[in-house]
Amino acid sequence: SREKKIVLVDCDGVLADFCQACFDLIQE
């Protein structure tokens, strides 16, 4: 038995804006 449910969250594209870092590199 567990008190809390486990929620798995991805990072890039969900929390972190990986695309923008790549856009910045392209612009550079």
PDB file of all heavy atoms in Angstrom:
ATOM      1  N   SER A   1       0.854  -1.193   0.000  1.00  0.00           N
ATOM      2  CA  SER A   1       0.000   0.000   0.000  1.00  0.00           C
ATOM      3  C   SER A   1       0.886   1.238   0.000  1.00  0.00           C
ATOM      4  O   SER A   1       1.954   1.262   0.608  1.00  0.00           O
ATOM      5  CB  SER A   1      -0.921   0.001   1.216  1.00  0.00           C
ATOM      6  OG  SER A   1      -0.182   0.190   2.386  1.00  0.00           O
ATOM      7  N   ARG A   2       0.437   2.216  -0.717  1.00  0.00           N
ATOM      8  CA  ARG A   2       1.165   3.473  -0.793  1.00  0.00           C
ATOM      9  C   ARG A   2       0.218   4.597  -0.428  1.00  0.00           C
ATOM     10  O   ARG A   2      -0.945   4.583  -0.797  1.00  0.00           O
ATOM     11  CB  ARG A   2       1.679   3.718  -2.211  1.00  0.00           C
ATOM     12  CG  ARG A   2       2.750   2.774  -2.630  1.00  0.00           C
ATOM     13  CD  ARG A   2       3.262   3.109  -4.016  1.00  0.00           C
ATOM     14  NE  ARG A   2       2.355   2.542  -5.019  1.00  0.00           N
ATOM     15  CZ  ARG A   2       1.766   3.237  -5.975  1.00  0.00           C
ATOM     16  NH1 ARG A   2       1.952   4.499  -6.102  1.00  0.00           N
ATOM     17  NH2 ARG A   2       0.984   2.635  -6.838  1.00  0.00           N
ATOM     18  N   GLU A   3       0.740   5.556   0.278  1.00  0.00           N
ATOM     19  CA  GLU A   3      -0.071   6.694   0.675  1.00  0.00           C
ATOM     20  C   GLU A   3      -0.363   7.602  -0.516  1.00  0.00           C
ATOM     21  O   GLU A   3      -1.472   8.077  -0.691  1.00  0.00           O
ATOM     22  CB  GLU A   3       0.653   7.482   1.767  1.00  0.00           C
ATOM     23  CG  GLU A   3      -0.228   8.506   2.434  1.00  0.00           C
ATOM     24  CD  GLU A   3       0.471   9.141   3.617  1.00  0.00           C
ATOM     25  OE1 GLU A   3       0.974   8.412   4.477  1.00  0.00           O
ATOM     26  OE2 GLU A   3       0.500  10.379   3.640  1.00  0.00           O
ATOM     27  N   LYS A   4       0.649   7.837  -1.337  1.00  0.00           N
ATOM     28  CA  LYS A   4       0.505   8.753  -2.464  1.00  0.00           C
ATOM     29  C   LYS A   4       0.744   8.038  -3.791  1.00  0.00           C
ATOM     30  O   LYS A   4       1.590   7.153  -3.880  1.00  0.00           O
ATOM     31  CB  LYS A   4       1.512   9.903  -2.360  1.00  0.00           C
ATOM     32  CG  LYS A   4       1.257  10.854  -1.225  1.00  0.00           C
ATOM     33  CD  LYS A   4       2.280  11.978  -1.289  1.00  0.00           C
ATOM     34  CE  LYS A   4       1.987  13.060  -0.282  1.00  0.00           C
ATOM     35  NZ  LYS A   4       2.936  14.184  -0.404  1.00  0.00           N
ATOM     36  N   LYS A   5       0.026   8.444  -4.798  1.00  0.00           N
ATOM     37  CA  LYS A   5       0.256   7.944  -6.149  1.00  0.00           C
ATOM     38  C   LYS A   5       1.560   8.553  -6.670  1.00  0.00           C
ATOM     39  O   LYS A   5       1.941   9.650  -6.292  1.00  0.00           O
ATOM     40  CB  LYS A   5      -0.898   8.327  -7.058  1.00  0.00           C
ATOM     41  CG  LYS A   5      -2.217   7.714  -6.629  1.00  0.00           C
ATOM     42  CD  LYS A   5      -2.863   7.027  -7.778  1.00  0.00           C
ATOM     43  CE  LYS A   5      -4.190   6.452  -7.346  1.00  0.00           C
ATOM     44  NZ  LYS A   5      -4.159   5.026  -7.257  1.00  0.00           N
ATOM     45  N   ILE A   6       2.218   7.828  -7.565  1.00  0.00           N
ATOM     46  CA  ILE A   6       3.477   8.277  -8.146  1.00  0.00           C
ATOM     47  C   ILE A   6       3.206   8.897  -9.507  1.00  0.00           C
ATOM     48  O   ILE A   6       2.643   8.253 -10.396  1.00  0.00           O
ATOM     49  CB  ILE A   6       4.463   7.103  -8.290  1.00  0.00           C
ATOM     50  CG1 ILE A   6       4.764   6.486  -6.919  1.00  0.00           C
ATOM     51  CG2 ILE A   6       5.744   7.556  -8.988  1.00  0.00           C
ATOM     52  CD1 ILE A   6       5.516   5.171  -6.994  1.00  0.00           C
ATOM     53  N   VAL A   7       3.625  10.154  -9.673  1.00  0.00           N
ATOM     54  CA  VAL A   7       3.491  10.861 -10.940  1.00  0.00           C
ATOM     55  C   VAL A   7       4.882  11.083 -11.511  1.00  0.00           C
ATOM     56  O   VAL A   7       5.727  11.730 -10.889  1.00  0.00           O
ATOM     57  CB  VAL A   7       2.757  12.213 -10.770  1.00  0.00           C
ATOM     58  CG1 VAL A   7       2.711  12.978 -12.091  1.00  0.00           C
ATOM     59  CG2 VAL A   7       1.349  11.992 -10.235  1.00  0.00           C
ATOM     60  N   LEU A   8       5.117  10.506 -12.688  1.00  0.00           N
ATOM     61  CA  LEU A   8       6.391  10.651 -13.393  1.00  0.00           C
ATOM     62  C   LEU A   8       6.254  11.793 -14.395  1.00  0.00           C
ATOM     63  O   LEU A   8       5.305  11.822 -15.180  1.00  0.00           O
ATOM     64  CB  LEU A   8       6.735   9.366 -14.139  1.00  0.00           C
ATOM     65  CG  LEU A   8       6.673   8.061 -13.341  1.00  0.00           C
ATOM     66  CD1 LEU A   8       6.892   6.865 -14.268  1.00  0.00           C
ATOM     67  CD2 LEU A   8       7.676   8.069 -12.216  1.00  0.00           C
ATOM     68  N   VAL A   9       7.196  12.720 -14.365  1.00  0.00           N
ATOM     69  CA  VAL A   9       7.139  13.877 -15.257  1.00  0.00           C
ATOM     70  C   VAL A   9       8.433  13.966 -16.053  1.00  0.00           C
ATOM     71  O   VAL A   9       9.527  13.971 -15.482  1.00  0.00           O
ATOM     72  CB  VAL A   9       6.926  15.185 -14.460  1.00  0.00           C
ATOM     73  CG1 VAL A   9       6.844  16.382 -15.394  1.00  0.00           C
ATOM     74  CG2 VAL A   9       5.680  15.110 -13.609  1.00  0.00           C
ATOM     75  N   ASP A  10       8.291  14.033 -17.367  1.00  0.00           N
ATOM     76  CA  ASP A  10       9.427  14.225 -18.255  1.00  0.00           C
ATOM     77  C   ASP A  10       9.976  15.635 -18.058  1.00  0.00           C
ATOM     78  O   ASP A  10       9.294  16.511 -17.527  1.00  0.00           O
ATOM     79  CB  ASP A  10       8.962  14.023 -19.709  1.00  0.00           C
ATOM     80  CG  ASP A  10      10.058  14.245 -20.719  1.00  0.00           C
ATOM     81  OD1 ASP A  10      11.222  13.883 -20.448  1.00  0.00           O
ATOM     82  OD2 ASP A  10       9.747  14.785 -21.801  1.00  0.00           O
ATOM     83  N   CYS A  11      11.176  15.872 -18.508  1.00  0.00           N
ATOM     84  CA  CYS A  11      11.785  17.193 -18.337  1.00  0.00           C
ATOM     85  C   CYS A  11      11.709  18.019 -19.625  1.00  0.00           C
ATOM     86  O   CYS A  11      10.952  18.983 -19.701  1.00  0.00           O
ATOM     87  CB  CYS A  11      13.229  17.036 -17.863  1.00  0.00           C
ATOM     88  SG  CYS A  11      13.917  18.567 -17.250  1.00  0.00           S
ATOM     89  N   ASP A  12      12.491  17.659 -20.643  1.00  0.00           N
ATOM     90  CA  ASP A  12      12.525  18.457 -21.873  1.00  0.00           C
ATOM     91  C   ASP A  12      11.194  18.382 -22.609  1.00  0.00           C
ATOM     92  O   ASP A  12      10.677  17.300 -22.874  1.00  0.00           O
ATOM     93  CB  ASP A  12      13.657  17.972 -22.786  1.00  0.00           C
ATOM     94  CG  ASP A  12      15.015  18.193 -22.155  1.00  0.00           C
ATOM     95  OD1 ASP A  12      15.220  19.271 -21.579  1.00  0.00           O
ATOM     96  OD2 ASP A  12      15.858  17.280 -22.233  1.00  0.00           O
ATOM     97  N   GLY A  13      10.642  19.540 -22.902  1.00  0.00           N
ATOM     98  CA  GLY A  13       9.359  19.605 -23.597  1.00  0.00           C
ATOM     99  C   GLY A  13       8.172  19.664 -22.660  1.00  0.00           C
ATOM    100  O   GLY A  13       7.068  19.963 -23.085  1.00  0.00           O
ATOM    101  N   VAL A  14       8.378  19.365 -21.386  1.00  0.00           N
ATOM    102  CA  VAL A  14       7.313  19.436 -20.384  1.00  0.00           C
ATOM    103  C   VAL A  14       7.665  20.484 -19.329  1.00  0.00           C
ATOM    104  O   VAL A  14       6.879  21.379 -19.041  1.00  0.00           O
ATOM    105  CB  VAL A  14       7.043  18.063 -19.729  1.00  0.00           C
ATOM    106  CG1 VAL A  14       5.985  18.170 -18.648  1.00  0.00           C
ATOM    107  CG2 VAL A  14       6.632  17.030 -20.784  1.00  0.00           C
ATOM    108  N   LEU A  15       8.849  20.371 -18.763  1.00  0.00           N
ATOM    109  CA  LEU A  15       9.313  21.333 -17.754  1.00  0.00           C
ATOM    110  C   LEU A  15      10.312  22.327 -18.347  1.00  0.00           C
ATOM    111  O   LEU A  15      10.242  23.517 -18.086  1.00  0.00           O
ATOM    112  CB  LEU A  15       9.985  20.602 -16.584  1.00  0.00           C
ATOM    113  CG  LEU A  15       9.174  19.536 -15.859  1.00  0.00           C
ATOM    114  CD1 LEU A  15      10.010  18.884 -14.773  1.00  0.00           C
ATOM    115  CD2 LEU A  15       7.903  20.125 -15.290  1.00  0.00           C
ATOM    116  N   ALA A  16      11.254  21.808 -19.117  1.00  0.00           N
ATOM    117  CA  ALA A  16      12.345  22.616 -19.670  1.00  0.00           C
ATOM    118  C   ALA A  16      12.109  22.894 -21.154  1.00  0.00           C
ATOM    119  O   ALA A  16      11.760  21.994 -21.911  1.00  0.00           O
ATOM    120  CB  ALA A  16      13.673  21.885 -19.495  1.00  0.00           C
ATOM    121  N   ASP A  17      12.329  24.131 -21.545  1.00  0.00           N
ATOM    122  CA  ASP A  17      12.156  24.531 -22.942  1.00  0.00           C
ATOM    123  C   ASP A  17      13.438  24.253 -23.722  1.00  0.00           C
ATOM    124  O   ASP A  17      14.225  25.154 -24.021  1.00  0.00           O
ATOM    125  CB  ASP A  17      11.764  26.005 -23.017  1.00  0.00           C
ATOM    126  CG  ASP A  17      11.252  26.398 -24.384  1.00  0.00           C
ATOM    127  OD1 ASP A  17      11.459  25.625 -25.349  1.00  0.00           O
ATOM    128  OD2 ASP A  17      10.641  27.480 -24.494  1.00  0.00           O
ATOM    129  N   PHE A  18      13.636  22.987 -24.024  1.00  0.00           N
ATOM    130  CA  PHE A  18      14.794  22.537 -24.791  1.00  0.00           C
ATOM    131  C   PHE A  18      14.820  23.198 -26.168  1.00  0.00           C
ATOM    132  O   PHE A  18      15.876  23.595 -26.660  1.00  0.00           O
ATOM    133  CB  PHE A  18      14.760  21.010 -24.926  1.00  0.00           C
ATOM    134  CG  PHE A  18      15.906  20.417 -25.678  1.00  0.00           C
ATOM    135  CD1 PHE A  18      17.107  20.155 -25.038  1.00  0.00           C
ATOM    136  CD2 PHE A  18      15.793  20.114 -27.017  1.00  0.00           C
ATOM    137  CE1 PHE A  18      18.180  19.594 -25.719  1.00  0.00           C
ATOM    138  CE2 PHE A  18      16.852  19.552 -27.716  1.00  0.00           C
ATOM    139  CZ  PHE A  18      18.054  19.297 -27.070  1.00  0.00           C
ATOM    140  N   CYS A  19      13.643  23.333 -26.785  1.00  0.00           N
ATOM    141  CA  CYS A  19      13.569  23.929 -28.121  1.00  0.00           C
ATOM    142  C   CYS A  19      14.133  25.345 -28.132  1.00  0.00           C
ATOM    143  O   CYS A  19      14.888  25.704 -29.035  1.00  0.00           O
ATOM    144  CB  CYS A  19      12.126  23.936 -28.639  1.00  0.00           C
ATOM    145  SG  CYS A  19      11.497  22.316 -29.087  1.00  0.00           S
ATOM    146  N   GLN A  20      13.779  26.158 -27.136  1.00  0.00           N
ATOM    147  CA  GLN A  20      14.252  27.535 -27.115  1.00  0.00           C
ATOM    148  C   GLN A  20      15.767  27.595 -27.008  1.00  0.00           C
ATOM    149  O   GLN A  20      16.406  28.431 -27.643  1.00  0.00           O
ATOM    150  CB  GLN A  20      13.610  28.327 -25.972  1.00  0.00           C
ATOM    151  CG  GLN A  20      13.933  29.806 -26.018  1.00  0.00           C
ATOM    152  CD  GLN A  20      13.456  30.479 -27.304  1.00  0.00           C
ATOM    153  OE1 GLN A  20      12.286  30.389 -27.659  1.00  0.00           O
ATOM    154  NE2 GLN A  20      14.360  31.135 -28.017  1.00  0.00           N
ATOM    155  N   ALA A  21      16.361  26.707 -26.222  1.00  0.00           N
ATOM    156  CA  ALA A  21      17.822  26.667 -26.132  1.00  0.00           C
ATOM    157  C   ALA A  21      18.430  26.346 -27.498  1.00  0.00           C
ATOM    158  O   ALA A  21      19.449  26.926 -27.885  1.00  0.00           O
ATOM    159  CB  ALA A  21      18.257  25.641 -25.089  1.00  0.00           C
ATOM    160  N   CYS A  22      17.776  25.463 -28.240  1.00  0.00           N
ATOM    161  CA  CYS A  22      18.244  25.131 -29.590  1.00  0.00           C
ATOM    162  C   CYS A  22      18.019  26.300 -30.544  1.00  0.00           C
ATOM    163  O   CYS A  22      18.875  26.592 -31.389  1.00  0.00           O
ATOM    164  CB  CYS A  22      17.553  23.873 -30.106  1.00  0.00           C
ATOM    165  SG  CYS A  22      18.023  22.388 -29.198  1.00  0.00           S
ATOM    166  N   PHE A  23      16.876  26.981 -30.414  1.00  0.00           N
ATOM    167  CA  PHE A  23      16.622  28.167 -31.244  1.00  0.00           C
ATOM    168  C   PHE A  23      17.707  29.221 -31.013  1.00  0.00           C
ATOM    169  O   PHE A  23      18.174  29.861 -31.952  1.00  0.00           O
ATOM    170  CB  PHE A  23      15.267  28.799 -30.928  1.00  0.00           C
ATOM    171  CG  PHE A  23      14.072  27.939 -31.222  1.00  0.00           C
ATOM    172  CD1 PHE A  23      12.886  28.157 -30.540  1.00  0.00           C
ATOM    173  CD2 PHE A  23      14.105  26.924 -32.161  1.00  0.00           C
ATOM    174  CE1 PHE A  23      11.765  27.390 -30.785  1.00  0.00           C
ATOM    175  CE2 PHE A  23      12.990  26.144 -32.414  1.00  0.00           C
ATOM    176  CZ  PHE A  23      11.813  26.374 -31.723  1.00  0.00           C
ATOM    177  N   ASP A  24      18.069  29.411 -29.748  1.00  0.00           N
ATOM    178  CA  ASP A  24      19.114  30.388 -29.413  1.00  0.00           C
ATOM    179  C   ASP A  24      20.440  30.005 -30.052  1.00  0.00           C
ATOM    180  O   ASP A  24      21.157  30.867 -30.579  1.00  0.00           O
ATOM    181  CB  ASP A  24      19.270  30.507 -27.894  1.00  0.00           C
ATOM    182  CG  ASP A  24      18.049  31.118 -27.212  1.00  0.00           C
ATOM    183  OD1 ASP A  24      17.190  31.706 -27.900  1.00  0.00           O
ATOM    184  OD2 ASP A  24      17.951  30.982 -25.974  1.00  0.00           O
ATOM    185  N   LEU A  25      20.762  28.711 -30.048  1.00  0.00           N
ATOM    186  CA  LEU A  25      21.985  28.235 -30.668  1.00  0.00           C
ATOM    187  C   LEU A  25      21.953  28.463 -32.180  1.00  0.00           C
ATOM    188  O   LEU A  25      22.928  28.923 -32.769  1.00  0.00           O
ATOM    189  CB  LEU A  25      22.179  26.746 -30.359  1.00  0.00           C
ATOM    190  CG  LEU A  25      23.448  26.144 -30.942  1.00  0.00           C
ATOM    191  CD1 LEU A  25      24.447  25.869 -29.839  1.00  0.00           C
ATOM    192  CD2 LEU A  25      23.126  24.857 -31.671  1.00  0.00           C
ATOM    193  N   ILE A  26      20.808  28.187 -32.802  1.00  0.00           N
ATOM    194  CA  ILE A  26      20.651  28.400 -34.244  1.00  0.00           C
ATOM    195  C   ILE A  26      20.825  29.873 -34.579  1.00  0.00           C
ATOM    196  O   ILE A  26      21.533  30.231 -35.529  1.00  0.00           O
ATOM    197  CB  ILE A  26      19.274  27.881 -34.729  1.00  0.00           C
ATOM    198  CG1 ILE A  26      19.248  26.351 -34.672  1.00  0.00           C
ATOM    199  CG2 ILE A  26      18.967  28.387 -36.139  1.00  0.00           C
ATOM    200  CD1 ILE A  26      17.862  25.738 -34.872  1.00  0.00           C
ATOM    201  N   GLN A  27      20.198  30.728 -33.799  1.00  0.00           N
ATOM    202  CA  GLN A  27      20.309  32.164 -34.046  1.00  0.00           C
ATOM    203  C   GLN A  27      21.759  32.632 -33.900  1.00  0.00           C
ATOM    204  O   GLN A  27      22.244  33.439 -34.690  1.00  0.00           O
ATOM    205  CB  GLN A  27      19.398  32.946 -33.113  1.00  0.00           C
ATOM    206  CG  GLN A  27      19.374  34.434 -33.423  1.00  0.00           C
ATOM    207  CD  GLN A  27      18.374  35.200 -32.582  1.00  0.00           C
ATOM    208  OE1 GLN A  27      17.748  34.649 -31.672  1.00  0.00           O
ATOM    209  NE2 GLN A  27      18.214  36.468 -32.887  1.00  0.00           N
ATOM    210  N   GLU A  28      22.438  32.113 -32.909  1.00  0.00           N
ATOM    211  CA  GLU A  28      23.845  32.465 -32.688  1.00  0.00           C
ATOM    212  C   GLU A  28      24.714  32.106 -33.896  1.00  0.00           C
ATOM    213  O   GLU A  28      25.619  32.850 -34.268  1.00  0.00           O
ATOM    214  CB  GLU A  28      24.338  31.733 -31.441  1.00  0.00           C
ATOM    215  CG  GLU A  28      25.792  31.922 -31.104  1.00  0.00           C
ATOM    216  CD  GLU A  28      26.219  31.044 -29.927  1.00  0.00           C
ATOM    217  OE1 GLU A  28      25.411  30.858 -28.990  1.00  0.00           O
ATOM    218  OE2 GLU A  28      27.359  30.540 -29.960  1.00  0.00           O
TER     219      GLU A  28
END
